[in-house]
Amino acid sequence: MITTVTLNPAIDREYFVDSHEVMKNQFIYNHEDLRIYPGGKGLISAINFRALGYHDVQNIGFVGGKQGLFFEKMVQEHDIISNYIHTESEIRNNVKIIGRDPVTYTQYNDYTFKVEKEEVDELIIRYKRSISESGCILMSGSVPEGVDFDIYQRLIKIAKEKGKHVFLQASGEALKLSLESEPDVVAPYFKHHKTILDVEMNEKEDYIKIGKKMQEMGAKRVMIPFHCDRLLFDKDGEVYQLSPTGYCIINWLGASDAYNTAYLDYAFQTDDFDFLEANLRGGAAALWIAENEEIYLEDREDYNSCLDRLEINKLEV
């Protein structure tokens, strides 16, 4: 089994219009111009794992209100085991308006919904019970209101006590506190700000310093987005840069989730793990998503076709 953790999921709604103009009313008549799907880091990776042939994949986290029931139904339609704590607060909604001519992308995100202390306690209990058969735990995304920032630290510690491999994608204080529990792989993200561990990221040297800092604080391996590239920090202290070539990005949504899925899929499929080769698979999957109007992966052959447009160079640091 694979367990993915999504503490702060959302219902994502995409509206495609000819042009996005302020103060202009528009009406959606074609079902192809409206997409509604369950969103949230971790959950999208869970759906990807199912598409790649993994049978037992669960997603654990919080969902809220009447919309939360709709969300859970959508998740189950993807044959994901939904293991959710239900809250009184309504689940988040993210609205994206995509204009075709000119090409525009406007996003309105609910930030969070409220979770009570007893609901956090219930999640911890359920999590302890449900990960026994999991070979890997993927934790990803923001933390909802009412949940302490040490939540990932606690979940990683529980997983480590059970001998589980942990992949973490987080930001802010939740990321900082989690490093003490020594996650196997850390992929920080900084969607709403340009800092990691409270340090502003500007030059490549800033990213390299912070990657090494995270390893000093407990992370075994680190993968940091750097523009359209990734900086890779292996366990032996070596640093590499993964770069795509000849690309045309039309869609960011789901790219990082595809990266995480393909990276872990390679780790599961090979006995002799190769960190760089796993990242090549991750980069290929992210590139395939970014160049298509897709959110989820469909087949390994799709993204493996992008492998010859990726290169990895060792950095002298």
C-alpha atoms as a PDB file:
ATOM      1  CA  MET A   1       0.000   0.000   0.000  1.00  0.00           C
ATOM      2  CA  ILE A   2       0.987   3.608  -0.565  1.00  0.00           C
ATOM      3  CA  THR A   3      -0.258   6.281   1.834  1.00  0.00           C
ATOM      4  CA  THR A   4      -0.499   9.921   0.793  1.00  0.00           C
ATOM      5  CA  VAL A   5      -1.291  12.647   3.317  1.00  0.00           C
ATOM      6  CA  THR A   6      -3.265  15.742   2.277  1.00  0.00           C
ATOM      7  CA  LEU A   7      -4.160  17.842   5.307  1.00  0.00           C
ATOM      8  CA  ASN A   8      -5.609  20.823   3.441  1.00  0.00           C
ATOM      9  CA  PRO A   9      -7.382  19.570   0.281  1.00  0.00           C
ATOM     10  CA  ALA A  10      -9.659  21.581  -1.975  1.00  0.00           C
ATOM     11  CA  ILE A  11     -12.227  21.302  -4.727  1.00  0.00           C
ATOM     12  CA  ASP A  12     -10.608  22.720  -7.857  1.00  0.00           C
ATOM     13  CA  ARG A  13     -12.757  24.371 -10.517  1.00  0.00           C
ATOM     14  CA  GLU A  14     -11.355  25.486 -13.879  1.00  0.00           C
ATOM     15  CA  TYR A  15     -13.271  27.783 -16.231  1.00  0.00           C
ATOM     16  CA  PHE A  16     -12.055  28.172 -19.832  1.00  0.00           C
ATOM     17  CA  VAL A  17     -13.186  31.386 -21.566  1.00  0.00           C
ATOM     18  CA  ASP A  18     -12.355  33.008 -24.883  1.00  0.00           C
ATOM     19  CA  SER A  19     -10.975  36.037 -23.068  1.00  0.00           C
ATOM     20  CA  HIS A  20     -10.933  36.993 -19.399  1.00  0.00           C
ATOM     21  CA  GLU A  21     -12.143  40.577 -19.084  1.00  0.00           C
ATOM     22  CA  VAL A  22     -12.912  42.443 -15.865  1.00  0.00           C
ATOM     23  CA  MET A  23     -16.618  43.372 -15.382  1.00  0.00           C
ATOM     24  CA  LYS A  24     -17.688  41.181 -18.292  1.00  0.00           C
ATOM     25  CA  ASN A  25     -20.249  38.458 -17.520  1.00  0.00           C
ATOM     26  CA  GLN A  26     -19.577  35.134 -19.190  1.00  0.00           C
ATOM     27  CA  PHE A  27     -21.606  31.928 -19.402  1.00  0.00           C
ATOM     28  CA  ILE A  28     -20.264  28.395 -19.673  1.00  0.00           C
ATOM     29  CA  TYR A  29     -22.357  26.253 -22.019  1.00  0.00           C
ATOM     30  CA  ASN A  30     -19.844  23.610 -23.081  1.00  0.00           C
ATOM     31  CA  HIS A  31     -18.932  20.954 -20.507  1.00  0.00           C
ATOM     32  CA  GLU A  32     -15.402  20.912 -21.934  1.00  0.00           C
ATOM     33  CA  ASP A  33     -14.994  24.505 -20.722  1.00  0.00           C
ATOM     34  CA  LEU A  34     -15.555  23.521 -17.082  1.00  0.00           C
ATOM     35  CA  ARG A  35     -13.483  21.043 -15.093  1.00  0.00           C
ATOM     36  CA  ILE A  36     -14.183  20.124 -11.466  1.00  0.00           C
ATOM     37  CA  TYR A  37     -11.919  17.713  -9.661  1.00  0.00           C
ATOM     38  CA  PRO A  38     -10.540  16.923  -6.203  1.00  0.00           C
ATOM     39  CA  GLY A  39      -7.341  18.838  -5.557  1.00  0.00           C
ATOM     40  CA  GLY A  40      -4.547  19.027  -3.057  1.00  0.00           C
ATOM     41  CA  LYS A  41      -0.912  18.007  -2.990  1.00  0.00           C
ATOM     42  CA  GLY A  42      -0.600  14.352  -2.124  1.00  0.00           C
ATOM     43  CA  LEU A  43      -4.062  13.508  -3.411  1.00  0.00           C
ATOM     44  CA  ILE A  44      -3.089  14.187  -7.031  1.00  0.00           C
ATOM     45  CA  SER A  45      -0.073  11.919  -6.520  1.00  0.00           C
ATOM     46  CA  ALA A  46      -2.406   9.238  -5.142  1.00  0.00           C
ATOM     47  CA  ILE A  47      -4.499   9.407  -8.323  1.00  0.00           C
ATOM     48  CA  ASN A  48      -1.299   9.198 -10.365  1.00  0.00           C
ATOM     49  CA  PHE A  49      -0.213   6.055  -8.526  1.00  0.00           C
ATOM     50  CA  ARG A  50      -3.528   4.414  -9.359  1.00  0.00           C
ATOM     51  CA  ALA A  51      -3.091   5.326 -13.034  1.00  0.00           C
ATOM     52  CA  LEU A  52       0.339   3.674 -12.991  1.00  0.00           C
ATOM     53  CA  GLY A  53      -1.142   0.423 -11.726  1.00  0.00           C
ATOM     54  CA  TYR A  54      -0.807   0.559  -7.937  1.00  0.00           C
ATOM     55  CA  HIS A  55      -3.883  -1.086  -6.441  1.00  0.00           C
ATOM     56  CA  ASP A  56      -3.870  -0.090  -2.777  1.00  0.00           C
ATOM     57  CA  VAL A  57      -3.469   3.667  -2.475  1.00  0.00           C
ATOM     58  CA  GLN A  58      -5.001   5.657   0.356  1.00  0.00           C
ATOM     59  CA  ASN A  59      -5.291   9.367   0.979  1.00  0.00           C
ATOM     60  CA  ILE A  60      -5.616  10.552   4.556  1.00  0.00           C
ATOM     61  CA  GLY A  61      -6.442  14.054   5.784  1.00  0.00           C
ATOM     62  CA  PHE A  62      -9.335  16.362   6.621  1.00  0.00           C
ATOM     63  CA  VAL A  63     -12.438  17.163   4.596  1.00  0.00           C
ATOM     64  CA  GLY A  64     -15.254  19.441   5.681  1.00  0.00           C
ATOM     65  CA  GLY A  65     -18.935  20.227   5.356  1.00  0.00           C
ATOM     66  CA  LYS A  66     -21.380  19.186   2.640  1.00  0.00           C
ATOM     67  CA  GLN A  67     -18.858  19.982  -0.071  1.00  0.00           C
ATOM     68  CA  GLY A  68     -16.495  17.573   1.659  1.00  0.00           C
ATOM     69  CA  LEU A  69     -18.922  14.732   0.902  1.00  0.00           C
ATOM     70  CA  PHE A  70     -18.862  15.729  -2.777  1.00  0.00           C
ATOM     71  CA  PHE A  71     -15.055  15.856  -2.629  1.00  0.00           C
ATOM     72  CA  GLU A  72     -14.819  12.380  -1.105  1.00  0.00           C
ATOM     73  CA  LYS A  73     -17.139  10.946  -3.755  1.00  0.00           C
ATOM     74  CA  MET A  74     -14.880  12.342  -6.492  1.00  0.00           C
ATOM     75  CA  VAL A  75     -11.839  10.802  -4.787  1.00  0.00           C
ATOM     76  CA  GLN A  76     -13.520   7.405  -4.585  1.00  0.00           C
ATOM     77  CA  GLU A  77     -14.349   7.559  -8.299  1.00  0.00           C
ATOM     78  CA  HIS A  78     -10.585   7.359  -8.851  1.00  0.00           C
ATOM     79  CA  ASP A  79     -10.518   4.150  -6.743  1.00  0.00           C
ATOM     80  CA  ILE A  80      -8.546   5.856  -3.981  1.00  0.00           C
ATOM     81  CA  ILE A  81      -9.111   4.621  -0.437  1.00  0.00           C
ATOM     82  CA  SER A  82     -10.491   7.769   1.234  1.00  0.00           C
ATOM     83  CA  ASN A  83      -9.454   7.899   4.880  1.00  0.00           C
ATOM     84  CA  TYR A  84     -10.740  11.284   5.995  1.00  0.00           C
ATOM     85  CA  ILE A  85     -11.593  13.025   9.228  1.00  0.00           C
ATOM     86  CA  HIS A  86     -14.745  15.079   8.608  1.00  0.00           C
ATOM     87  CA  THR A  87     -14.917  18.595  10.013  1.00  0.00           C
ATOM     88  CA  GLU A  88     -17.793  21.031  10.456  1.00  0.00           C
ATOM     89  CA  SER A  89     -16.031  23.695   8.379  1.00  0.00           C
ATOM     90  CA  GLU A  90     -16.520  23.594   4.629  1.00  0.00           C
ATOM     91  CA  ILE A  91     -13.632  22.343   2.506  1.00  0.00           C
ATOM     92  CA  ARG A  92     -11.673  24.900   0.467  1.00  0.00           C
ATOM     93  CA  ASN A  93     -12.490  25.850  -3.113  1.00  0.00           C
ATOM     94  CA  ASN A  94      -9.927  26.936  -5.689  1.00  0.00           C
ATOM     95  CA  VAL A  95     -11.188  28.715  -8.818  1.00  0.00           C
ATOM     96  CA  LYS A  96      -9.047  29.096 -11.922  1.00  0.00           C
ATOM     97  CA  ILE A  97     -10.078  31.170 -14.955  1.00  0.00           C
ATOM     98  CA  ILE A  98      -8.123  30.408 -18.107  1.00  0.00           C
ATOM     99  CA  GLY A  99      -8.427  32.843 -21.012  1.00  0.00           C
ATOM    100  CA  ARG A 100      -7.602  31.598 -24.498  1.00  0.00           C
ATOM    101  CA  ASP A 101      -6.969  34.842 -26.406  1.00  0.00           C
ATOM    102  CA  PRO A 102      -4.955  36.400 -24.997  1.00  0.00           C
ATOM    103  CA  VAL A 103      -3.712  33.515 -22.875  1.00  0.00           C
ATOM    104  CA  THR A 104      -4.308  34.380 -19.214  1.00  0.00           C
ATOM    105  CA  TYR A 105      -4.361  32.374 -16.014  1.00  0.00           C
ATOM    106  CA  THR A 106      -6.164  33.844 -12.997  1.00  0.00           C
ATOM    107  CA  GLN A 107      -6.465  31.907  -9.759  1.00  0.00           C
ATOM    108  CA  TYR A 108      -8.543  32.492  -6.627  1.00  0.00           C
ATOM    109  CA  ASN A 109      -7.651  30.211  -3.722  1.00  0.00           C
ATOM    110  CA  ASP A 110      -9.411  29.741  -0.431  1.00  0.00           C
ATOM    111  CA  TYR A 111      -6.579  29.676   2.046  1.00  0.00           C
ATOM    112  CA  THR A 112      -7.830  27.181   4.612  1.00  0.00           C
ATOM    113  CA  PHE A 113     -10.680  25.783   6.665  1.00  0.00           C
ATOM    114  CA  LYS A 114     -10.833  25.279  10.452  1.00  0.00           C
ATOM    115  CA  VAL A 115      -9.895  21.993  12.129  1.00  0.00           C
ATOM    116  CA  GLU A 116     -10.549  21.326  15.823  1.00  0.00           C
ATOM    117  CA  LYS A 117      -8.048  19.776  18.256  1.00  0.00           C
ATOM    118  CA  GLU A 118     -10.084  16.608  18.731  1.00  0.00           C
ATOM    119  CA  GLU A 119     -10.149  16.142  14.956  1.00  0.00           C
ATOM    120  CA  VAL A 120      -6.343  16.351  14.874  1.00  0.00           C
ATOM    121  CA  ASP A 121      -6.188  13.752  17.639  1.00  0.00           C
ATOM    122  CA  GLU A 122      -8.483  11.480  15.634  1.00  0.00           C
ATOM    123  CA  LEU A 123      -6.292  11.886  12.555  1.00  0.00           C
ATOM    124  CA  ILE A 124      -3.199  10.819  14.528  1.00  0.00           C
ATOM    125  CA  ILE A 125      -5.005   7.719  15.827  1.00  0.00           C
ATOM    126  CA  ARG A 126      -6.283   6.783  12.371  1.00  0.00           C
ATOM    127  CA  TYR A 127      -2.884   7.447  10.790  1.00  0.00           C
ATOM    128  CA  LYS A 128      -1.094   5.139  13.243  1.00  0.00           C
ATOM    129  CA  ARG A 129      -3.521   2.327  12.445  1.00  0.00           C
ATOM    130  CA  SER A 130      -3.619   2.794   8.689  1.00  0.00           C
ATOM    131  CA  ILE A 131       0.053   2.964   7.685  1.00  0.00           C
ATOM    132  CA  SER A 132       1.094  -0.495   8.897  1.00  0.00           C
ATOM    133  CA  GLU A 133       0.922  -2.001   5.402  1.00  0.00           C
ATOM    134  CA  SER A 134       2.333   1.039   3.599  1.00  0.00           C
ATOM    135  CA  GLY A 135       5.734   0.812   1.998  1.00  0.00           C
ATOM    136  CA  CYS A 136       5.975   4.567   1.616  1.00  0.00           C
ATOM    137  CA  ILE A 137       4.346   7.675   3.100  1.00  0.00           C
ATOM    138  CA  LEU A 138       4.041  10.767   0.884  1.00  0.00           C
ATOM    139  CA  MET A 139       3.126  13.921   2.843  1.00  0.00           C
ATOM    140  CA  SER A 140       2.454  17.038   0.861  1.00  0.00           C
ATOM    141  CA  GLY A 141       0.845  20.447   1.090  1.00  0.00           C
ATOM    142  CA  SER A 142      -0.158  23.200   3.476  1.00  0.00           C
ATOM    143  CA  VAL A 143      -1.532  22.893   7.005  1.00  0.00           C
ATOM    144  CA  PRO A 144      -5.114  23.979   7.785  1.00  0.00           C
ATOM    145  CA  GLU A 145      -6.091  26.410  10.531  1.00  0.00           C
ATOM    146  CA  GLY A 146      -6.249  24.742  13.926  1.00  0.00           C
ATOM    147  CA  VAL A 147      -3.431  22.300  13.194  1.00  0.00           C
ATOM    148  CA  ASP A 148      -0.087  22.981  14.872  1.00  0.00           C
ATOM    149  CA  PHE A 149       2.906  23.403  12.586  1.00  0.00           C
ATOM    150  CA  ASP A 150       4.613  20.398  14.186  1.00  0.00           C
ATOM    151  CA  ILE A 151       2.058  18.052  12.575  1.00  0.00           C
ATOM    152  CA  TYR A 152       4.444  16.765   9.897  1.00  0.00           C
ATOM    153  CA  GLN A 153       7.156  16.290  12.498  1.00  0.00           C
ATOM    154  CA  ARG A 154       4.759  14.103  14.503  1.00  0.00           C
ATOM    155  CA  LEU A 155       3.578  12.111  11.487  1.00  0.00           C
ATOM    156  CA  ILE A 156       7.134  11.500  10.267  1.00  0.00           C
ATOM    157  CA  LYS A 157       8.229  10.321  13.705  1.00  0.00           C
ATOM    158  CA  ILE A 158       5.361   7.819  13.826  1.00  0.00           C
ATOM    159  CA  ALA A 159       6.228   6.553  10.349  1.00  0.00           C
ATOM    160  CA  LYS A 160       9.920   6.240  11.193  1.00  0.00           C
ATOM    161  CA  GLU A 161       9.127   4.225  14.324  1.00  0.00           C
ATOM    162  CA  LYS A 162       7.354   1.778  12.017  1.00  0.00           C
ATOM    163  CA  GLY A 163      10.300   1.672   9.595  1.00  0.00           C
ATOM    164  CA  LYS A 164       8.560   3.550   6.777  1.00  0.00           C
ATOM    165  CA  HIS A 165      10.126   5.586   3.961  1.00  0.00           C
ATOM    166  CA  VAL A 166       8.894   9.205   4.104  1.00  0.00           C
ATOM    167  CA  PHE A 167       8.737  11.733   1.258  1.00  0.00           C
ATOM    168  CA  LEU A 168       7.804  15.258   2.393  1.00  0.00           C
ATOM    169  CA  GLN A 169       6.748  18.275   0.349  1.00  0.00           C
ATOM    170  CA  ALA A 170       6.090  21.221   2.651  1.00  0.00           C
ATOM    171  CA  SER A 171       6.881  24.865   3.315  1.00  0.00           C
ATOM    172  CA  GLY A 172       7.249  27.424   6.086  1.00  0.00           C
ATOM    173  CA  GLU A 173       7.299  26.518   9.753  1.00  0.00           C
ATOM    174  CA  ALA A 174       5.838  23.057   9.103  1.00  0.00           C
ATOM    175  CA  LEU A 175       8.861  22.277   6.913  1.00  0.00           C
ATOM    176  CA  LYS A 176      11.355  23.640   9.424  1.00  0.00           C
ATOM    177  CA  LEU A 177       9.979  21.624  12.344  1.00  0.00           C
ATOM    178  CA  SER A 178       9.675  18.438  10.285  1.00  0.00           C
ATOM    179  CA  LEU A 179      13.405  18.172   9.574  1.00  0.00           C
ATOM    180  CA  GLU A 180      14.121  17.060  13.132  1.00  0.00           C
ATOM    181  CA  SER A 181      12.294  13.789  12.385  1.00  0.00           C
ATOM    182  CA  GLU A 182      14.700  13.014   9.505  1.00  0.00           C
ATOM    183  CA  PRO A 183      12.467  12.508   6.449  1.00  0.00           C
ATOM    184  CA  ASP A 184      14.076  10.456   3.674  1.00  0.00           C
ATOM    185  CA  VAL A 185      13.308  12.994   0.935  1.00  0.00           C
ATOM    186  CA  VAL A 186      12.343  16.666   1.268  1.00  0.00           C
ATOM    187  CA  ALA A 187      11.008  18.791  -1.578  1.00  0.00           C
ATOM    188  CA  PRO A 188      10.315  22.307  -0.265  1.00  0.00           C
ATOM    189  CA  TYR A 189       7.923  24.541  -2.128  1.00  0.00           C
ATOM    190  CA  PHE A 190       7.416  28.290  -1.842  1.00  0.00           C
ATOM    191  CA  LYS A 191       4.244  29.067  -3.740  1.00  0.00           C
ATOM    192  CA  HIS A 192       3.167  32.068  -1.661  1.00  0.00           C
ATOM    193  CA  HIS A 193       6.557  33.490  -0.776  1.00  0.00           C
ATOM    194  CA  LYS A 194      10.149  33.281  -1.897  1.00  0.00           C
ATOM    195  CA  THR A 195      11.742  31.938   1.260  1.00  0.00           C
ATOM    196  CA  ILE A 196      12.868  28.569   2.585  1.00  0.00           C
ATOM    197  CA  LEU A 197      13.553  28.277   6.331  1.00  0.00           C
ATOM    198  CA  ASP A 198      12.941  32.043   6.529  1.00  0.00           C
ATOM    199  CA  VAL A 199      15.791  32.743   4.097  1.00  0.00           C
ATOM    200  CA  GLU A 200      14.964  34.640   0.896  1.00  0.00           C
ATOM    201  CA  MET A 201      15.858  32.737  -2.262  1.00  0.00           C
ATOM    202  CA  ASN A 202      17.453  34.817  -5.027  1.00  0.00           C
ATOM    203  CA  GLU A 203      20.674  33.409  -6.467  1.00  0.00           C
ATOM    204  CA  LYS A 204      21.526  29.771  -7.106  1.00  0.00           C
ATOM    205  CA  GLU A 205      23.998  29.957  -4.239  1.00  0.00           C
ATOM    206  CA  ASP A 206      21.094  30.704  -1.873  1.00  0.00           C
ATOM    207  CA  TYR A 207      19.339  27.509  -2.954  1.00  0.00           C
ATOM    208  CA  ILE A 208      22.506  25.448  -2.585  1.00  0.00           C
ATOM    209  CA  LYS A 209      23.188  26.772   0.908  1.00  0.00           C
ATOM    210  CA  ILE A 210      19.634  26.091   2.065  1.00  0.00           C
ATOM    211  CA  GLY A 211      19.640  22.606   0.553  1.00  0.00           C
ATOM    212  CA  LYS A 212      22.752  21.719   2.513  1.00  0.00           C
ATOM    213  CA  LYS A 213      21.263  23.364   5.598  1.00  0.00           C
ATOM    214  CA  MET A 214      18.193  21.132   5.392  1.00  0.00           C
ATOM    215  CA  GLN A 215      20.445  18.099   5.235  1.00  0.00           C
ATOM    216  CA  GLU A 216      22.338  19.316   8.292  1.00  0.00           C
ATOM    217  CA  MET A 217      18.986  19.666  10.070  1.00  0.00           C
ATOM    218  CA  GLY A 218      17.934  16.082   9.302  1.00  0.00           C
ATOM    219  CA  ALA A 219      16.765  15.593   5.700  1.00  0.00           C
ATOM    220  CA  LYS A 220      18.566  12.715   3.992  1.00  0.00           C
ATOM    221  CA  ARG A 221      17.967  13.852   0.407  1.00  0.00           C
ATOM    222  CA  VAL A 222      16.662  17.204  -0.847  1.00  0.00           C
ATOM    223  CA  MET A 223      15.132  18.294  -4.172  1.00  0.00           C
ATOM    224  CA  ILE A 224      14.560  22.048  -4.618  1.00  0.00           C
ATOM    225  CA  PRO A 225      12.716  23.648  -7.560  1.00  0.00           C
ATOM    226  CA  PHE A 226      14.942  26.276  -9.186  1.00  0.00           C
ATOM    227  CA  HIS A 227      12.979  28.108 -11.893  1.00  0.00           C
ATOM    228  CA  CYS A 228      12.200  25.264 -14.350  1.00  0.00           C
ATOM    229  CA  ASP A 229      15.130  23.175 -13.050  1.00  0.00           C
ATOM    230  CA  ARG A 230      15.689  21.171  -9.883  1.00  0.00           C
ATOM    231  CA  LEU A 231      18.679  21.187  -7.574  1.00  0.00           C
ATOM    232  CA  LEU A 232      19.327  17.695  -6.218  1.00  0.00           C
ATOM    233  CA  PHE A 233      21.164  16.987  -2.968  1.00  0.00           C
ATOM    234  CA  ASP A 234      22.188  13.350  -2.557  1.00  0.00           C
ATOM    235  CA  LYS A 235      23.036  11.606   0.704  1.00  0.00           C
ATOM    236  CA  ASP A 236      26.761  11.665  -0.063  1.00  0.00           C
ATOM    237  CA  GLY A 237      26.820  15.486  -0.168  1.00  0.00           C
ATOM    238  CA  GLU A 238      26.945  15.757  -3.951  1.00  0.00           C
ATOM    239  CA  VAL A 239      24.782  18.438  -5.620  1.00  0.00           C
ATOM    240  CA  TYR A 240      23.316  18.184  -9.125  1.00  0.00           C
ATOM    241  CA  GLN A 241      21.146  20.314 -11.397  1.00  0.00           C
ATOM    242  CA  LEU A 242      18.365  18.713 -13.433  1.00  0.00           C
ATOM    243  CA  SER A 243      17.338  20.776 -16.479  1.00  0.00           C
ATOM    244  CA  PRO A 244      14.750  20.299 -19.250  1.00  0.00           C
ATOM    245  CA  THR A 245      15.553  21.384 -22.797  1.00  0.00           C
ATOM    246  CA  GLY A 246      13.372  22.525 -25.691  1.00  0.00           C
ATOM    247  CA  TYR A 247      10.201  22.804 -23.623  1.00  0.00           C
ATOM    248  CA  CYS A 248       6.987  24.810 -23.944  1.00  0.00           C
ATOM    249  CA  ILE A 249       5.132  25.065 -20.647  1.00  0.00           C
ATOM    250  CA  ILE A 250       1.380  25.586 -20.867  1.00  0.00           C
ATOM    251  CA  ASN A 251       0.304  24.101 -17.530  1.00  0.00           C
ATOM    252  CA  TRP A 252       1.892  24.144 -14.079  1.00  0.00           C
ATOM    253  CA  LEU A 253      -0.988  22.409 -12.284  1.00  0.00           C
ATOM    254  CA  GLY A 254      -0.077  18.883 -11.219  1.00  0.00           C
ATOM    255  CA  ALA A 255       3.543  19.039 -12.392  1.00  0.00           C
ATOM    256  CA  SER A 256       5.128  18.741  -8.940  1.00  0.00           C
ATOM    257  CA  ASP A 257       2.727  15.927  -8.002  1.00  0.00           C
ATOM    258  CA  ALA A 258       3.701  14.095 -11.186  1.00  0.00           C
ATOM    259  CA  TYR A 259       7.367  14.573 -10.309  1.00  0.00           C
ATOM    260  CA  ASN A 260       6.876  13.083  -6.842  1.00  0.00           C
ATOM    261  CA  THR A 261       4.891  10.138  -8.213  1.00  0.00           C
ATOM    262  CA  ALA A 262       7.335   9.201 -10.960  1.00  0.00           C
ATOM    263  CA  TYR A 263      10.317   9.581  -8.610  1.00  0.00           C
ATOM    264  CA  LEU A 264       8.797   7.170  -6.092  1.00  0.00           C
ATOM    265  CA  ASP A 265       7.491   4.855  -8.805  1.00  0.00           C
ATOM    266  CA  TYR A 266      11.041   4.389 -10.079  1.00  0.00           C
ATOM    267  CA  ALA A 267      12.183   3.664  -6.517  1.00  0.00           C
ATOM    268  CA  PHE A 268       9.479   1.008  -6.154  1.00  0.00           C
ATOM    269  CA  GLN A 269      10.163  -0.585  -9.542  1.00  0.00           C
ATOM    270  CA  THR A 270      13.946  -1.001  -9.200  1.00  0.00           C
ATOM    271  CA  ASP A 271      15.950  -2.991  -6.668  1.00  0.00           C
ATOM    272  CA  ASP A 272      19.151  -0.994  -7.194  1.00  0.00           C
ATOM    273  CA  PHE A 273      17.962   2.534  -6.363  1.00  0.00           C
ATOM    274  CA  ASP A 274      19.601   5.343  -8.319  1.00  0.00           C
ATOM    275  CA  PHE A 275      18.794   8.834  -7.005  1.00  0.00           C
ATOM    276  CA  LEU A 276      19.628  10.598 -10.257  1.00  0.00           C
ATOM    277  CA  GLU A 277      17.719   8.150 -12.437  1.00  0.00           C
ATOM    278  CA  ALA A 278      14.685   8.488 -10.162  1.00  0.00           C
ATOM    279  CA  ASN A 279      14.852  12.264 -10.584  1.00  0.00           C
ATOM    280  CA  LEU A 280      15.083  11.908 -14.349  1.00  0.00           C
ATOM    281  CA  ARG A 281      11.801   9.971 -14.232  1.00  0.00           C
ATOM    282  CA  GLY A 282      10.309  12.651 -11.998  1.00  0.00           C
ATOM    283  CA  GLY A 283      11.466  15.432 -14.275  1.00  0.00           C
ATOM    284  CA  ALA A 284      10.089  13.649 -17.346  1.00  0.00           C
ATOM    285  CA  ALA A 285       6.684  13.250 -15.699  1.00  0.00           C
ATOM    286  CA  ALA A 286       6.594  16.914 -14.666  1.00  0.00           C
ATOM    287  CA  LEU A 287       7.600  17.974 -18.177  1.00  0.00           C
ATOM    288  CA  TRP A 288       4.863  15.847 -19.754  1.00  0.00           C
ATOM    289  CA  ILE A 289       2.221  17.399 -17.485  1.00  0.00           C
ATOM    290  CA  ALA A 290       3.557  20.918 -18.057  1.00  0.00           C
ATOM    291  CA  GLU A 291       3.374  20.574 -21.829  1.00  0.00           C
ATOM    292  CA  ASN A 292      -0.129  19.121 -21.870  1.00  0.00           C
ATOM    293  CA  GLU A 293      -3.516  20.190 -20.570  1.00  0.00           C
ATOM    294  CA  GLU A 294      -3.536  17.218 -18.218  1.00  0.00           C
ATOM    295  CA  ILE A 295      -3.571  17.153 -14.433  1.00  0.00           C
ATOM    296  CA  TYR A 296      -2.916  13.464 -13.852  1.00  0.00           C
ATOM    297  CA  LEU A 297      -0.443  10.987 -15.273  1.00  0.00           C
ATOM    298  CA  GLU A 298      -1.845   8.304 -17.546  1.00  0.00           C
ATOM    299  CA  ASP A 299       0.947   5.932 -18.561  1.00  0.00           C
ATOM    300  CA  ARG A 300       4.691   5.600 -18.020  1.00  0.00           C
ATOM    301  CA  GLU A 301       5.269   5.555 -21.774  1.00  0.00           C
ATOM    302  CA  ASP A 302       3.816   9.064 -22.028  1.00  0.00           C
ATOM    303  CA  TYR A 303       6.350  10.717 -19.801  1.00  0.00           C
ATOM    304  CA  ASN A 304       9.265   8.391 -20.562  1.00  0.00           C
ATOM    305  CA  SER A 305       9.123   9.895 -24.051  1.00  0.00           C
ATOM    306  CA  CYS A 306      10.431  13.122 -22.454  1.00  0.00           C
ATOM    307  CA  LEU A 307      13.551  11.554 -20.944  1.00  0.00           C
ATOM    308  CA  ASP A 308      15.804  12.526 -23.844  1.00  0.00           C
ATOM    309  CA  ARG A 309      15.014  16.205 -23.198  1.00  0.00           C
ATOM    310  CA  LEU A 310      16.450  16.197 -19.686  1.00  0.00           C
ATOM    311  CA  GLU A 311      20.024  16.521 -18.534  1.00  0.00           C
ATOM    312  CA  ILE A 312      21.736  16.316 -15.145  1.00  0.00           C
ATOM    313  CA  ASN A 313      24.972  18.138 -14.363  1.00  0.00           C
ATOM    314  CA  LYS A 314      27.067  17.840 -11.236  1.00  0.00           C
ATOM    315  CA  LEU A 315      27.731  21.171  -9.551  1.00  0.00           C
ATOM    316  CA  GLU A 316      31.070  22.071  -8.026  1.00  0.00           C
ATOM    317  CA  VAL A 317      30.172  23.396  -4.581  1.00  0.00           C
END
